[in-house]
Amino acid sequence: MSSPELANPGAASDVGTCRAHLEALAEALHLSPALRAEIYQLNGSQRSILHARNLAANGLSEQIGCERVEGDGWWFTWSWGDTIGPASDPVGVAKVIGHMLRLKVPDVQLR
C-alpha cells in the first residue's frame, strides 16, 4: 500500500482522516496503563504514524500506520505493511496491538 500523495485530489483530507483514526487508536491504547502511544509526523512528509510501546519492556514497540484501501475504507497497518484491522474498530485493533506487545487491553467502549 502506498501513502497518500499530496498532489491527489482529497489528499489533504486523507492526511486529516488518517491522523483522526490514529488519534482514536491512541485513545484506545491508553486504556491500558502499561501502554504508551504517541503520534508523530514523518520527517519531510504530511504522513503521520503512531508509535506504541510497552512501558514495562521498552524493547517491545511498534509503528502503526493508517492507509485508505480503495473500496474498503481505512485500515490500520503494521510497520511492514500488513493490515491489522479496520480503522472503524480502534478498540479491537488496540487489543491486537496489545497482544503483539504481550499485554491485555481491557474490554471497554470509547466515548
Protein backbone atom coordinates (compact mmCIF):
# COMPACT_ATOMS: atom_id res chain seq x y z
CA MET A 1 0.00 0.00 0.00
CA SER A 2 1.23 3.48 -0.69
CA SER A 3 0.88 6.61 1.38
CA PRO A 4 -1.44 9.39 0.20
CA GLU A 5 0.12 11.76 -2.32
CA LEU A 6 -0.50 15.46 -1.67
CA ALA A 7 -0.94 16.10 -5.38
CA ASN A 8 -4.02 13.84 -5.41
CA PRO A 9 -7.44 15.43 -5.06
CA GLY A 10 -8.58 14.87 -1.49
CA ALA A 11 -5.04 14.15 -0.26
CA ALA A 12 -5.22 16.90 2.38
CA SER A 13 -8.42 15.39 3.76
CA ASP A 14 -6.77 11.93 3.62
CA VAL A 15 -3.96 13.26 5.83
CA GLY A 16 -6.51 14.62 8.32
CA THR A 17 -8.59 11.45 8.24
CA CYS A 18 -5.53 9.28 8.82
CA ARG A 19 -4.49 11.40 11.81
CA ALA A 20 -8.02 11.29 13.27
CA HIS A 21 -8.03 7.49 13.05
CA LEU A 22 -4.59 7.31 14.69
CA GLU A 23 -5.80 9.60 17.49
CA ALA A 24 -8.76 7.29 18.12
CA LEU A 25 -6.39 4.33 18.23
CA ALA A 26 -4.07 6.17 20.64
CA GLU A 27 -7.05 6.81 22.93
CA ALA A 28 -7.96 3.11 22.83
CA LEU A 29 -4.34 2.09 23.55
CA HIS A 30 -4.18 4.46 26.53
CA LEU A 31 -6.95 2.41 28.17
CA SER A 32 -4.11 0.09 29.20
CA PRO A 33 -1.83 1.80 31.75
CA ALA A 34 1.05 -0.37 30.52
CA LEU A 35 0.97 1.11 27.00
CA ARG A 36 2.17 4.42 25.69
CA ALA A 37 1.07 5.68 22.27
CA GLU A 38 2.38 8.79 20.55
CA ILE A 39 1.63 10.14 17.10
CA TYR A 40 4.44 11.53 15.00
CA GLN A 41 4.58 13.22 11.64
CA LEU A 42 7.21 11.64 9.43
CA ASN A 43 10.10 13.93 8.50
CA GLY A 44 9.55 15.69 5.18
CA SER A 45 6.05 14.27 4.88
CA GLN A 46 2.47 15.06 5.78
CA ARG A 47 2.03 11.42 6.82
CA SER A 48 1.56 10.51 10.48
CA ILE A 49 2.37 7.29 12.31
CA LEU A 50 1.59 6.03 15.79
CA HIS A 51 4.38 4.63 17.94
CA ALA A 52 3.04 2.14 20.50
CA ARG A 53 5.26 0.71 23.21
CA ASN A 54 5.06 -1.48 26.28
CA LEU A 55 6.18 0.65 29.25
CA ALA A 56 7.33 -2.43 31.15
CA ALA A 57 9.53 -3.57 28.27
CA ASN A 58 10.89 -0.69 26.20
CA GLY A 59 12.16 -3.09 23.57
CA LEU A 60 8.57 -4.04 22.73
CA SER A 61 7.24 -1.36 20.42
CA GLU A 62 5.63 -1.00 17.03
CA GLN A 63 5.00 1.68 14.43
CA ILE A 64 1.36 1.76 13.27
CA GLY A 65 0.12 3.44 10.12
CA CYS A 66 -3.30 4.10 8.66
CA GLU A 67 -4.00 3.63 4.96
CA ARG A 68 -7.05 4.07 2.79
CA VAL A 69 -7.75 0.87 0.89
CA GLU A 70 -9.69 1.59 -2.27
CA GLY A 71 -13.18 0.19 -2.00
CA ASP A 72 -12.61 -0.99 1.58
CA GLY A 73 -12.20 2.14 3.72
CA TRP A 74 -9.41 2.93 6.18
CA TRP A 75 -7.23 0.25 7.79
CA PHE A 76 -4.52 0.31 10.45
CA THR A 77 -1.26 -1.24 9.26
CA TRP A 78 1.84 -2.72 10.82
CA SER A 79 5.22 -1.18 10.04
CA TRP A 80 5.83 -3.93 7.47
CA GLY A 81 2.61 -3.03 5.59
CA ASP A 82 0.20 -5.82 6.58
CA THR A 83 -3.22 -4.70 7.74
CA ILE A 84 -4.17 -5.05 11.40
CA GLY A 85 -7.85 -4.20 11.27
CA PRO A 86 -10.35 -1.58 10.13
CA ALA A 87 -9.97 1.96 11.41
CA SER A 88 -13.66 1.80 12.33
CA ASP A 89 -12.68 -0.56 15.21
CA PRO A 90 -9.89 1.16 17.19
CA VAL A 91 -10.63 -0.82 20.38
CA GLY A 92 -10.41 -4.14 18.54
CA VAL A 93 -7.17 -3.07 16.84
CA ALA A 94 -5.79 -1.91 20.21
CA LYS A 95 -6.37 -5.43 21.52
CA VAL A 96 -4.43 -6.91 18.60
CA ILE A 97 -1.56 -4.45 19.17
CA GLY A 98 -1.63 -5.17 22.92
CA HIS A 99 -1.42 -8.89 22.17
CA MET A 100 1.52 -8.25 19.87
CA LEU A 101 3.19 -6.26 22.64
CA ARG A 102 2.20 -9.02 25.12
CA LEU A 103 -0.43 -7.01 27.02
CA LYS A 104 -4.08 -7.43 27.90
CA VAL A 105 -6.15 -4.41 26.82
CA PRO A 106 -9.35 -4.06 28.86
CA ASP A 107 -12.80 -4.52 27.28
CA VAL A 108 -14.27 -1.01 27.23
CA GLN A 109 -16.14 1.26 24.88
CA LEU A 110 -14.82 4.64 23.72
CA ARG A 111 -16.99 7.66 24.47
